[in-house]
Amino acid sequence: MTRRYAITLAASAVKDLEEIRVWYADQQVPDVGERLLGEVISQIERLAFFPESGRIVPEFGVAHLREIIHPPFRIVYRLDTMQVRIVRVWRSERLLKMP
């Protein structure tokens, strides 16, 4: 039986998702924003069964910090023992900086 990883979202990731929704609504294309958010959530849900499917974040080169590129977004997550923590959801052209 396949082991399922727990998925949590950091406050920063929740804020990112809210800002994405607002940005697309402000651009008068809320349906595009909702579609993209749905796709991002699907990518995140996939990590429950395939947590190592994302690549290692090139800016840091550490095995536990990974990302999925889902244009135009980067879904950055931390991989821990049986847990995936979504850290950021950013435009893919942005470089990641740790606080």
Protein backbone atom coordinates (compact mmCIF):
# COMPACT_ATOMS: atom_id res chain seq x y z
CA MET A 1 0.00 0.00 0.00
CA THR A 2 1.27 3.45 -0.91
CA ARG A 3 2.00 5.75 2.00
CA ARG A 4 0.19 9.06 1.96
CA TYR A 5 1.99 12.22 3.05
CA ALA A 6 0.14 14.90 4.99
CA ILE A 7 -0.06 18.24 3.21
CA THR A 8 -0.04 21.55 5.06
CA LEU A 9 0.15 25.12 3.80
CA ALA A 10 2.27 27.77 5.45
CA ALA A 11 0.60 31.14 6.04
CA SER A 12 2.82 32.55 3.28
CA ALA A 13 1.41 30.05 0.75
CA VAL A 14 -2.18 30.78 1.77
CA LYS A 15 -1.47 34.50 1.31
CA ASP A 16 0.07 33.81 -2.10
CA LEU A 17 -3.03 31.91 -3.23
CA GLU A 18 -5.32 34.70 -2.01
CA GLU A 19 -3.22 37.30 -3.83
CA ILE A 20 -3.37 35.29 -7.05
CA ARG A 21 -7.17 35.15 -6.84
CA VAL A 22 -7.38 38.92 -6.21
CA TRP A 23 -4.94 39.77 -9.02
CA TYR A 24 -6.92 37.86 -11.64
CA ALA A 25 -10.18 39.35 -10.37
CA ASP A 26 -8.65 42.84 -10.62
CA GLN A 27 -7.66 42.04 -14.21
CA GLN A 28 -11.34 41.30 -14.95
CA VAL A 29 -10.64 37.59 -15.58
CA PRO A 30 -11.66 35.89 -12.32
CA ASP A 31 -12.50 32.68 -14.21
CA VAL A 32 -8.87 32.39 -15.35
CA GLY A 33 -7.69 32.87 -11.78
CA GLU A 34 -10.08 30.21 -10.48
CA ARG A 35 -8.97 27.76 -13.18
CA LEU A 36 -5.29 28.34 -12.41
CA LEU A 37 -5.86 28.01 -8.67
CA GLY A 38 -7.68 24.73 -9.27
CA GLU A 39 -4.71 23.47 -11.28
CA VAL A 40 -2.29 24.55 -8.52
CA ILE A 41 -4.38 22.72 -5.90
CA SER A 42 -4.37 19.58 -8.08
CA GLN A 43 -0.58 19.75 -8.29
CA ILE A 44 -0.37 20.14 -4.51
CA GLU A 45 -2.73 17.20 -3.90
CA ARG A 46 -0.56 14.97 -6.12
CA LEU A 47 2.30 15.48 -3.67
CA ALA A 48 0.46 13.39 -1.05
CA PHE A 49 1.41 10.29 -3.06
CA PHE A 50 4.43 11.55 -5.03
CA PRO A 51 6.26 13.91 -2.65
CA GLU A 52 9.61 13.65 -4.42
CA SER A 53 8.18 14.43 -7.85
CA GLY A 54 9.18 18.08 -7.60
CA ARG A 55 12.70 19.15 -8.43
CA ILE A 56 15.16 20.46 -5.87
CA VAL A 57 14.94 24.28 -5.76
CA PRO A 58 18.02 25.38 -7.75
CA GLU A 59 18.63 28.52 -5.66
CA PHE A 60 19.32 26.40 -2.57
CA GLY A 61 20.30 22.91 -3.72
CA VAL A 62 19.00 21.13 -0.61
CA ALA A 63 17.05 17.89 -0.98
CA HIS A 64 14.20 18.81 1.39
CA LEU A 65 13.27 22.07 -0.43
CA ARG A 66 11.53 21.24 -3.69
CA GLU A 67 9.27 22.82 -6.27
CA ILE A 68 6.82 22.02 -8.98
CA ILE A 69 6.81 24.33 -11.96
CA HIS A 70 3.25 24.76 -13.18
CA PRO A 71 3.40 27.77 -15.52
CA PRO A 72 3.12 30.54 -14.68
CA PHE A 73 3.71 29.42 -11.08
CA ARG A 74 6.34 27.82 -8.85
CA ILE A 75 4.88 25.72 -6.06
CA VAL A 76 7.66 25.58 -3.46
CA TYR A 77 7.46 23.02 -0.68
CA ARG A 78 9.44 21.51 2.15
CA LEU A 79 9.59 17.73 2.28
CA ASP A 80 9.73 16.29 5.78
CA THR A 81 9.08 12.82 7.19
CA MET A 82 5.58 11.96 5.97
CA GLN A 83 4.69 15.64 5.49
CA VAL A 84 4.73 18.10 2.62
CA ARG A 85 4.56 21.75 3.67
CA ILE A 86 3.71 24.19 0.89
CA VAL A 87 5.83 27.28 1.48
CA ARG A 88 5.16 29.61 -1.48
CA VAL A 89 3.20 29.80 -4.71
CA TRP A 90 4.92 32.40 -6.88
CA ARG A 91 5.21 33.49 -10.46
CA SER A 92 7.78 31.17 -11.99
CA GLU A 93 10.15 33.95 -13.02
CA ARG A 94 10.70 35.06 -9.40
CA LEU A 95 13.74 33.88 -7.51
CA LEU A 96 13.12 32.36 -4.13
CA LYS A 97 14.57 34.12 -1.10
CA MET A 98 14.32 32.77 2.40
CA PRO A 99 13.19 35.23 5.09
